Amino acid sequence: MFYNALFRYLRYNKPENTYEGSVNMHIEEFDTVLLKDGQTAAIVDKLSEDTFIADIGDSPENWDTITITIDEIEKVIYRSPKSIDG
């Protein structure tokens, strides 16, 4: 039982499944990312492999559109089906 649970944990918590902390982190349009400063950002445009336009904020009243680089991203927290189906 223990080994079964451990196997499932390791299987689903590999860097390629959590999209976290990888040198080869791959970000696509419509992904939601956690920035290193703790803010959550929605990627709205991919300018290059390491530069993105992102929306931050909680509601239309405080949304802000910013340019970020891959160095500012901690991890991908949501992979949009649109970016997966590509």
PDB file of N, CA and C in Angstrom:
ATOM      1  N   MET A   1       0.822  -1.181   0.000  1.00  0.00           N
ATOM      2  CA  MET A   1       0.000   0.000   0.000  1.00  0.00           C
ATOM      3  C   MET A   1       0.871   1.252   0.000  1.00  0.00           C
ATOM      4  N   PHE A   2       1.874   1.287   0.887  1.00  0.00           N
ATOM      5  CA  PHE A   2       2.757   2.445   0.969  1.00  0.00           C
ATOM      6  C   PHE A   2       3.471   2.691  -0.357  1.00  0.00           C
ATOM      7  N   TYR A   3       3.982   1.631  -0.967  1.00  0.00           N
ATOM      8  CA  TYR A   3       4.714   1.773  -2.216  1.00  0.00           C
ATOM      9  C   TYR A   3       3.808   2.267  -3.338  1.00  0.00           C
ATOM     10  N   ASN A   4       2.574   1.823  -3.316  1.00  0.00           N
ATOM     11  CA  ASN A   4       1.607   2.268  -4.314  1.00  0.00           C
ATOM     12  C   ASN A   4       1.367   3.775  -4.187  1.00  0.00           C
ATOM     13  N   ALA A   5       1.184   4.260  -2.975  1.00  0.00           N
ATOM     14  CA  ALA A   5       0.969   5.692  -2.744  1.00  0.00           C
ATOM     15  C   ALA A   5       2.218   6.480  -3.109  1.00  0.00           C
ATOM     16  N   LEU A   6       3.383   5.975  -2.751  1.00  0.00           N
ATOM     17  CA  LEU A   6       4.631   6.643  -3.085  1.00  0.00           C
ATOM     18  C   LEU A   6       4.815   6.718  -4.592  1.00  0.00           C
ATOM     19  N   PHE A   7       4.528   5.635  -5.291  1.00  0.00           N
ATOM     20  CA  PHE A   7       4.650   5.621  -6.740  1.00  0.00           C
ATOM     21  C   PHE A   7       3.743   6.672  -7.373  1.00  0.00           C
ATOM     22  N   ARG A   8       2.480   6.748  -6.904  1.00  0.00           N
ATOM     23  CA  ARG A   8       1.548   7.748  -7.444  1.00  0.00           C
ATOM     24  C   ARG A   8       2.044   9.161  -7.168  1.00  0.00           C
ATOM     25  N   TYR A   9       2.565   9.399  -5.952  1.00  0.00           N
ATOM     26  CA  TYR A   9       3.087  10.717  -5.617  1.00  0.00           C
ATOM     27  C   TYR A   9       4.241  11.090  -6.534  1.00  0.00           C
ATOM     28  N   LEU A  10       5.190  10.184  -6.688  1.00  0.00           N
ATOM     29  CA  LEU A  10       6.345  10.474  -7.538  1.00  0.00           C
ATOM     30  C   LEU A  10       5.945  10.644  -8.993  1.00  0.00           C
ATOM     31  N   ARG A  11       4.985   9.868  -9.427  1.00  0.00           N
ATOM     32  CA  ARG A  11       4.533   9.941 -10.818  1.00  0.00           C
ATOM     33  C   ARG A  11       3.911  11.294 -11.143  1.00  0.00           C
ATOM     34  N   TYR A  12       3.102  11.831 -10.242  1.00  0.00           N
ATOM     35  CA  TYR A  12       2.382  13.073 -10.516  1.00  0.00           C
ATOM     36  C   TYR A  12       3.076  14.324 -10.008  1.00  0.00           C
ATOM     37  N   ASN A  13       4.168  14.190  -9.280  1.00  0.00           N
ATOM     38  CA  ASN A  13       4.852  15.353  -8.747  1.00  0.00           C
ATOM     39  C   ASN A  13       6.253  15.526  -9.332  1.00  0.00           C
ATOM     40  N   LYS A  14       6.481  14.967 -10.503  1.00  0.00           N
ATOM     41  CA  LYS A  14       7.731  15.189 -11.198  1.00  0.00           C
ATOM     42  C   LYS A  14       7.723  16.612 -11.760  1.00  0.00           C
ATOM     43  N   PRO A  15       8.881  17.244 -11.945  1.00  0.00           N
ATOM     44  CA  PRO A  15       8.914  18.602 -12.477  1.00  0.00           C
ATOM     45  C   PRO A  15       8.168  18.760 -13.798  1.00  0.00           C
ATOM     46  N   GLU A  16       8.210  17.747 -14.650  1.00  0.00           N
ATOM     47  CA  GLU A  16       7.512  17.886 -15.927  1.00  0.00           C
ATOM     48  C   GLU A  16       5.993  17.857 -15.768  1.00  0.00           C
ATOM     49  N   ASN A  17       5.485  17.357 -14.652  1.00  0.00           N
ATOM     50  CA  ASN A  17       4.048  17.362 -14.398  1.00  0.00           C
ATOM     51  C   ASN A  17       3.602  18.596 -13.628  1.00  0.00           C
ATOM     52  N   THR A  18       4.460  19.160 -12.784  1.00  0.00           N
ATOM     53  CA  THR A  18       4.091  20.339 -12.011  1.00  0.00           C
ATOM     54  C   THR A  18       4.569  21.617 -12.689  1.00  0.00           C
ATOM     55  N   TYR A  19       5.431  21.486 -13.688  1.00  0.00           N
ATOM     56  CA  TYR A  19       5.958  22.637 -14.421  1.00  0.00           C
ATOM     57  C   TYR A  19       6.682  23.597 -13.491  1.00  0.00           C
ATOM     58  N   GLU A  20       7.363  23.078 -12.498  1.00  0.00           N
ATOM     59  CA  GLU A  20       7.982  23.928 -11.492  1.00  0.00           C
ATOM     60  C   GLU A  20       9.500  23.874 -11.565  1.00  0.00           C
ATOM     61  N   GLY A  21      10.103  25.032 -11.502  1.00  0.00           N
ATOM     62  CA  GLY A  21      11.527  25.152 -11.290  1.00  0.00           C
ATOM     63  C   GLY A  21      12.418  24.502 -12.323  1.00  0.00           C
ATOM     64  N   SER A  22      11.976  24.330 -13.511  1.00  0.00           N
ATOM     65  CA  SER A  22      12.772  23.686 -14.534  1.00  0.00           C
ATOM     66  C   SER A  22      13.556  24.723 -15.332  1.00  0.00           C
ATOM     67  N   VAL A  23      14.814  24.412 -15.614  1.00  0.00           N
ATOM     68  CA  VAL A  23      15.605  25.280 -16.472  1.00  0.00           C
ATOM     69  C   VAL A  23      14.946  25.353 -17.842  1.00  0.00           C
ATOM     70  N   ASN A  24      14.299  24.276 -18.239  1.00  0.00           N
ATOM     71  CA  ASN A  24      13.627  24.205 -19.526  1.00  0.00           C
ATOM     72  C   ASN A  24      12.134  24.484 -19.400  1.00  0.00           C
ATOM     73  N   MET A  25      11.749  25.323 -18.440  1.00  0.00           N
ATOM     74  CA  MET A  25      10.339  25.633 -18.232  1.00  0.00           C
ATOM     75  C   MET A  25       9.751  26.173 -19.530  1.00  0.00           C
ATOM     76  N   HIS A  26       8.614  25.622 -19.911  1.00  0.00           N
ATOM     77  CA  HIS A  26       7.967  25.996 -21.167  1.00  0.00           C
ATOM     78  C   HIS A  26       6.659  26.718 -20.845  1.00  0.00           C
ATOM     79  N   ILE A  27       6.577  27.980 -21.226  1.00  0.00           N
ATOM     80  CA  ILE A  27       5.405  28.796 -20.958  1.00  0.00           C
ATOM     81  C   ILE A  27       4.697  29.066 -22.279  1.00  0.00           C
ATOM     82  N   GLU A  28       3.380  28.945 -22.269  1.00  0.00           N
ATOM     83  CA  GLU A  28       2.583  29.210 -23.464  1.00  0.00           C
ATOM     84  C   GLU A  28       1.496  30.234 -23.162  1.00  0.00           C
ATOM     85  N   GLU A  29       0.954  30.810 -24.215  1.00  0.00           N
ATOM     86  CA  GLU A  29      -0.168  31.729 -24.095  1.00  0.00           C
ATOM     87  C   GLU A  29      -1.311  31.023 -23.372  1.00  0.00           C
ATOM     88  N   PHE A  30      -2.011  31.735 -22.500  1.00  0.00           N
ATOM     89  CA  PHE A  30      -3.150  31.278 -21.692  1.00  0.00           C
ATOM     90  C   PHE A  30      -2.751  30.498 -20.447  1.00  0.00           C
ATOM     91  N   ASP A  31      -1.454  30.254 -20.211  1.00  0.00           N
ATOM     92  CA  ASP A  31      -1.030  29.619 -18.961  1.00  0.00           C
ATOM     93  C   ASP A  31      -1.183  30.616 -17.818  1.00  0.00           C
ATOM     94  N   THR A  32      -1.358  30.098 -16.608  1.00  0.00           N
ATOM     95  CA  THR A  32      -1.347  30.928 -15.410  1.00  0.00           C
ATOM     96  C   THR A  32      -0.081  30.569 -14.647  1.00  0.00           C
ATOM     97  N   VAL A  33       0.682  31.592 -14.267  1.00  0.00           N
ATOM     98  CA  VAL A  33       1.969  31.363 -13.624  1.00  0.00           C
ATOM     99  C   VAL A  33       2.037  32.073 -12.279  1.00  0.00           C
ATOM    100  N   LEU A  34       2.873  31.540 -11.410  1.00  0.00           N
ATOM    101  CA  LEU A  34       3.178  32.180 -10.139  1.00  0.00           C
ATOM    102  C   LEU A  34       4.501  32.902 -10.319  1.00  0.00           C
ATOM    103  N   LEU A  35       4.495  34.196 -10.047  1.00  0.00           N
ATOM    104  CA  LEU A  35       5.728  34.975 -10.148  1.00  0.00           C
ATOM    105  C   LEU A  35       6.536  34.830  -8.871  1.00  0.00           C
ATOM    106  N   LYS A  36       7.821  35.064  -8.957  1.00  0.00           N
ATOM    107  CA  LYS A  36       8.692  34.930  -7.792  1.00  0.00           C
ATOM    108  C   LYS A  36       8.351  35.922  -6.697  1.00  0.00           C
ATOM    109  N   ASP A  37       7.642  37.016  -7.040  1.00  0.00           N
ATOM    110  CA  ASP A  37       7.239  37.981  -6.011  1.00  0.00           C
ATOM    111  C   ASP A  37       5.901  37.612  -5.367  1.00  0.00           C
ATOM    112  N   GLY A  38       5.338  36.441  -5.730  1.00  0.00           N
ATOM    113  CA  GLY A  38       4.117  35.940  -5.113  1.00  0.00           C
ATOM    114  C   GLY A  38       2.836  36.265  -5.857  1.00  0.00           C
ATOM    115  N   GLN A  39       2.895  37.110  -6.872  1.00  0.00           N
ATOM    116  CA  GLN A  39       1.699  37.444  -7.652  1.00  0.00           C
ATOM    117  C   GLN A  39       1.389  36.331  -8.650  1.00  0.00           C
ATOM    118  N   THR A  40       0.131  36.230  -9.008  1.00  0.00           N
ATOM    119  CA  THR A  40      -0.311  35.297 -10.039  1.00  0.00           C
ATOM    120  C   THR A  40      -0.533  36.093 -11.318  1.00  0.00           C
ATOM    121  N   ALA A  41      -0.101  35.543 -12.444  1.00  0.00           N
ATOM    122  CA  ALA A  41      -0.220  36.238 -13.717  1.00  0.00           C
ATOM    123  C   ALA A  41      -0.785  35.303 -14.777  1.00  0.00           C
ATOM    124  N   ALA A  42      -1.621  35.852 -15.636  1.00  0.00           N
ATOM    125  CA  ALA A  42      -2.160  35.108 -16.777  1.00  0.00           C
ATOM    126  C   ALA A  42      -1.402  35.550 -18.024  1.00  0.00           C
ATOM    127  N   ILE A  43      -0.806  34.607 -18.712  1.00  0.00           N
ATOM    128  CA  ILE A  43      -0.044  34.923 -19.915  1.00  0.00           C
ATOM    129  C   ILE A  43      -1.031  35.213 -21.044  1.00  0.00           C
ATOM    130  N   VAL A  44      -0.949  36.411 -21.611  1.00  0.00           N
ATOM    131  CA  VAL A  44      -1.870  36.778 -22.685  1.00  0.00           C
ATOM    132  C   VAL A  44      -1.189  36.830 -24.051  1.00  0.00           C
ATOM    133  N   ASP A  45       0.153  36.897 -24.058  1.00  0.00           N
ATOM    134  CA  ASP A  45       0.869  36.881 -25.329  1.00  0.00           C
ATOM    135  C   ASP A  45       2.296  36.412 -25.080  1.00  0.00           C
ATOM    136  N   LYS A  46       2.796  35.619 -26.006  1.00  0.00           N
ATOM    137  CA  LYS A  46       4.166  35.122 -25.924  1.00  0.00           C
ATOM    138  C   LYS A  46       4.989  35.883 -26.945  1.00  0.00           C
ATOM    139  N   LEU A  47       5.897  36.747 -26.482  1.00  0.00           N
ATOM    140  CA  LEU A  47       6.715  37.551 -27.389  1.00  0.00           C
ATOM    141  C   LEU A  47       7.918  36.766 -27.890  1.00  0.00           C
ATOM    142  N   SER A  48       8.470  35.927 -27.024  1.00  0.00           N
ATOM    143  CA  SER A  48       9.584  35.052 -27.385  1.00  0.00           C
ATOM    144  C   SER A  48       9.579  33.895 -26.386  1.00  0.00           C
ATOM    145  N   GLU A  49      10.583  33.041 -26.445  1.00  0.00           N
ATOM    146  CA  GLU A  49      10.643  31.907 -25.518  1.00  0.00           C
ATOM    147  C   GLU A  49      10.847  32.352 -24.073  1.00  0.00           C
ATOM    148  N   ASP A  50      11.313  33.591 -23.871  1.00  0.00           N
ATOM    149  CA  ASP A  50      11.564  34.034 -22.504  1.00  0.00           C
ATOM    150  C   ASP A  50      10.942  35.384 -22.138  1.00  0.00           C
ATOM    151  N   THR A  51      10.079  35.935 -22.986  1.00  0.00           N
ATOM    152  CA  THR A  51       9.428  37.210 -22.708  1.00  0.00           C
ATOM    153  C   THR A  51       7.939  37.108 -23.022  1.00  0.00           C
ATOM    154  N   PHE A  52       7.110  37.622 -22.085  1.00  0.00           N
ATOM    155  CA  PHE A  52       5.666  37.450 -22.190  1.00  0.00           C
ATOM    156  C   PHE A  52       4.935  38.725 -21.776  1.00  0.00           C
ATOM    157  N   ILE A  53       3.724  38.891 -22.302  1.00  0.00           N
ATOM    158  CA  ILE A  53       2.794  39.907 -21.826  1.00  0.00           C
ATOM    159  C   ILE A  53       1.835  39.167 -20.897  1.00  0.00           C
ATOM    160  N   ALA A  54       1.627  39.719 -19.703  1.00  0.00           N
ATOM    161  CA  ALA A  54       0.789  39.036 -18.709  1.00  0.00           C
ATOM    162  C   ALA A  54      -0.138  40.025 -18.026  1.00  0.00           C
ATOM    163  N   ASP A  55      -1.297  39.518 -17.613  1.00  0.00           N
ATOM    164  CA  ASP A  55      -2.238  40.291 -16.803  1.00  0.00           C
ATOM    165  C   ASP A  55      -2.096  39.848 -15.359  1.00  0.00           C
ATOM    166  N   ILE A  56      -2.005  40.834 -14.448  1.00  0.00           N
ATOM    167  CA  ILE A  56      -1.988  40.541 -13.023  1.00  0.00           C
ATOM    168  C   ILE A  56      -3.129  41.300 -12.365  1.00  0.00           C
ATOM    169  N   GLY A  57      -3.579  40.819 -11.223  1.00  0.00           N
ATOM    170  CA  GLY A  57      -4.660  41.465 -10.493  1.00  0.00           C
ATOM    171  C   GLY A  57      -5.788  40.501 -10.211  1.00  0.00           C
ATOM    172  N   ASP A  58      -6.721  40.949  -9.363  1.00  0.00           N
ATOM    173  CA  ASP A  58      -7.814  40.092  -8.924  1.00  0.00           C
ATOM    174  C   ASP A  58      -9.129  40.346  -9.631  1.00  0.00           C
ATOM    175  N   SER A  59      -9.311  41.543 -10.174  1.00  0.00           N
ATOM    176  CA  SER A  59     -10.587  41.895 -10.800  1.00  0.00           C
ATOM    177  C   SER A  59     -10.336  43.004 -11.818  1.00  0.00           C
ATOM    178  N   PRO A  60     -11.320  43.300 -12.668  1.00  0.00           N
ATOM    179  CA  PRO A  60     -11.124  44.350 -13.676  1.00  0.00           C
ATOM    180  C   PRO A  60     -10.708  45.701 -13.079  1.00  0.00           C
ATOM    181  N   GLU A  61     -11.091  45.965 -11.841  1.00  0.00           N
ATOM    182  CA  GLU A  61     -10.735  47.236 -11.222  1.00  0.00           C
ATOM    183  C   GLU A  61      -9.234  47.365 -10.965  1.00  0.00           C
ATOM    184  N   ASN A  62      -8.549  46.248 -10.735  1.00  0.00           N
ATOM    185  CA  ASN A  62      -7.118  46.353 -10.431  1.00  0.00           C
ATOM    186  C   ASN A  62      -6.224  45.537 -11.372  1.00  0.00           C
ATOM    187  N   TRP A  63      -6.743  45.097 -12.505  1.00  0.00           N
ATOM    188  CA  TRP A  63      -5.908  44.397 -13.479  1.00  0.00           C
ATOM    189  C   TRP A  63      -4.850  45.336 -14.029  1.00  0.00           C
ATOM    190  N   ASP A  64      -3.697  44.784 -14.306  1.00  0.00           N
ATOM    191  CA  ASP A  64      -2.613  45.531 -14.916  1.00  0.00           C
ATOM    192  C   ASP A  64      -1.932  44.608 -15.918  1.00  0.00           C
ATOM    193  N   THR A  65      -1.577  45.131 -17.065  1.00  0.00           N
ATOM    194  CA  THR A  65      -0.881  44.350 -18.078  1.00  0.00           C
ATOM    195  C   THR A  65       0.594  44.717 -18.007  1.00  0.00           C
ATOM    196  N   ILE A  66       1.437  43.695 -17.847  1.00  0.00           N
ATOM    197  CA  ILE A  66       2.876  43.906 -17.686  1.00  0.00           C
ATOM    198  C   ILE A  66       3.652  43.002 -18.637  1.00  0.00           C
ATOM    199  N   THR A  67       4.916  43.329 -18.827  1.00  0.00           N
ATOM    200  CA  THR A  67       5.835  42.467 -19.570  1.00  0.00           C
ATOM    201  C   THR A  67       6.708  41.762 -18.542  1.00  0.00           C
ATOM    202  N   ILE A  68       6.817  40.437 -18.666  1.00  0.00           N
ATOM    203  CA  ILE A  68       7.642  39.661 -17.737  1.00  0.00           C
ATOM    204  C   ILE A  68       8.595  38.768 -18.527  1.00  0.00           C
ATOM    205  N   THR A  69       9.645  38.346 -17.853  1.00  0.00           N
ATOM    206  CA  THR A  69      10.590  37.398 -18.447  1.00  0.00           C
ATOM    207  C   THR A  69      10.493  36.077 -17.707  1.00  0.00           C
ATOM    208  N   ILE A  70      11.052  35.070 -18.297  1.00  0.00           N
ATOM    209  CA  ILE A  70      10.995  33.739 -17.690  1.00  0.00           C
ATOM    210  C   ILE A  70      11.722  33.714 -16.341  1.00  0.00           C
ATOM    211  N   ASP A  71      12.700  34.595 -16.152  1.00  0.00           N
ATOM    212  CA  ASP A  71      13.428  34.658 -14.879  1.00  0.00           C
ATOM    213  C   ASP A  71      12.547  35.123 -13.723  1.00  0.00           C
ATOM    214  N   GLU A  72      11.434  35.793 -14.016  1.00  0.00           N
ATOM    215  CA  GLU A  72      10.526  36.281 -12.980  1.00  0.00           C
ATOM    216  C   GLU A  72       9.462  35.248 -12.598  1.00  0.00           C
ATOM    217  N   ILE A  73       9.422  34.127 -13.321  1.00  0.00           N
ATOM    218  CA  ILE A  73       8.387  33.112 -13.117  1.00  0.00           C
ATOM    219  C   ILE A  73       8.907  31.999 -12.222  1.00  0.00           C
ATOM    220  N   GLU A  74       8.156  31.721 -11.164  1.00  0.00           N
ATOM    221  CA  GLU A  74       8.497  30.627 -10.248  1.00  0.00           C
ATOM    222  C   GLU A  74       8.069  29.283 -10.835  1.00  0.00           C
ATOM    223  N   LYS A  75       6.777  29.217 -11.272  1.00  0.00           N
ATOM    224  CA  LYS A  75       6.270  27.962 -11.836  1.00  0.00           C
ATOM    225  C   LYS A  75       4.951  28.219 -12.551  1.00  0.00           C
ATOM    226  N   VAL A  76       4.565  27.265 -13.381  1.00  0.00           N
ATOM    227  CA  VAL A  76       3.255  27.272 -14.025  1.00  0.00           C
ATOM    228  C   VAL A  76       2.285  26.632 -13.042  1.00  0.00           C
ATOM    229  N   ILE A  77       1.176  27.329 -12.734  1.00  0.00           N
ATOM    230  CA  ILE A  77       0.208  26.752 -11.797  1.00  0.00           C
ATOM    231  C   ILE A  77      -1.044  26.263 -12.504  1.00  0.00           C
ATOM    232  N   TYR A  78      -1.230  26.658 -13.758  1.00  0.00           N
ATOM    233  CA  TYR A  78      -2.362  26.161 -14.538  1.00  0.00           C
ATOM    234  C   TYR A  78      -1.962  26.148 -15.998  1.00  0.00           C
ATOM    235  N   ARG A  79      -2.102  24.999 -16.624  1.00  0.00           N
ATOM    236  CA  ARG A  79      -1.798  24.856 -18.050  1.00  0.00           C
ATOM    237  C   ARG A  79      -3.110  24.832 -18.784  1.00  0.00           C
ATOM    238  N   SER A  80      -3.382  25.850 -19.593  1.00  0.00           N
ATOM    239  CA  SER A  80      -4.625  25.946 -20.333  1.00  0.00           C
ATOM    240  C   SER A  80      -4.743  24.809 -21.349  1.00  0.00           C
ATOM    241  N   PRO A  81      -5.949  24.236 -21.485  1.00  0.00           N
ATOM    242  CA  PRO A  81      -6.143  23.232 -22.532  1.00  0.00           C
ATOM    243  C   PRO A  81      -5.816  23.776 -23.917  1.00  0.00           C
ATOM    244  N   LYS A  82      -5.985  25.088 -24.122  1.00  0.00           N
ATOM    245  CA  LYS A  82      -5.650  25.695 -25.408  1.00  0.00           C
ATOM    246  C   LYS A  82      -4.161  25.597 -25.679  1.00  0.00           C
ATOM    247  N   SER A  83      -3.325  25.751 -24.644  1.00  0.00           N
ATOM    248  CA  SER A  83      -1.890  25.645 -24.856  1.00  0.00           C
ATOM    249  C   SER A  83      -1.452  24.189 -24.976  1.00  0.00           C
ATOM    250  N   ILE A  84      -2.191  23.267 -24.356  1.00  0.00           N
ATOM    251  CA  ILE A  84      -1.856  21.845 -24.459  1.00  0.00           C
ATOM    252  C   ILE A  84      -2.225  21.318 -25.844  1.00  0.00           C
ATOM    253  N   ASP A  85      -3.423  21.687 -26.329  1.00  0.00           N
ATOM    254  CA  ASP A  85      -3.877  21.216 -27.631  1.00  0.00           C
ATOM    255  C   ASP A  85      -3.127  21.882 -28.759  1.00  0.00           C
ATOM    256  N   GLY A  86      -2.594  23.081 -28.480  1.00  0.00           N
ATOM    257  CA  GLY A  86      -1.772  23.880 -29.338  1.00  0.00           C
ATOM    258  C   GLY A  86      -2.105  23.928 -30.736  1.00  0.00           C
TER     259      GLY A  86
END
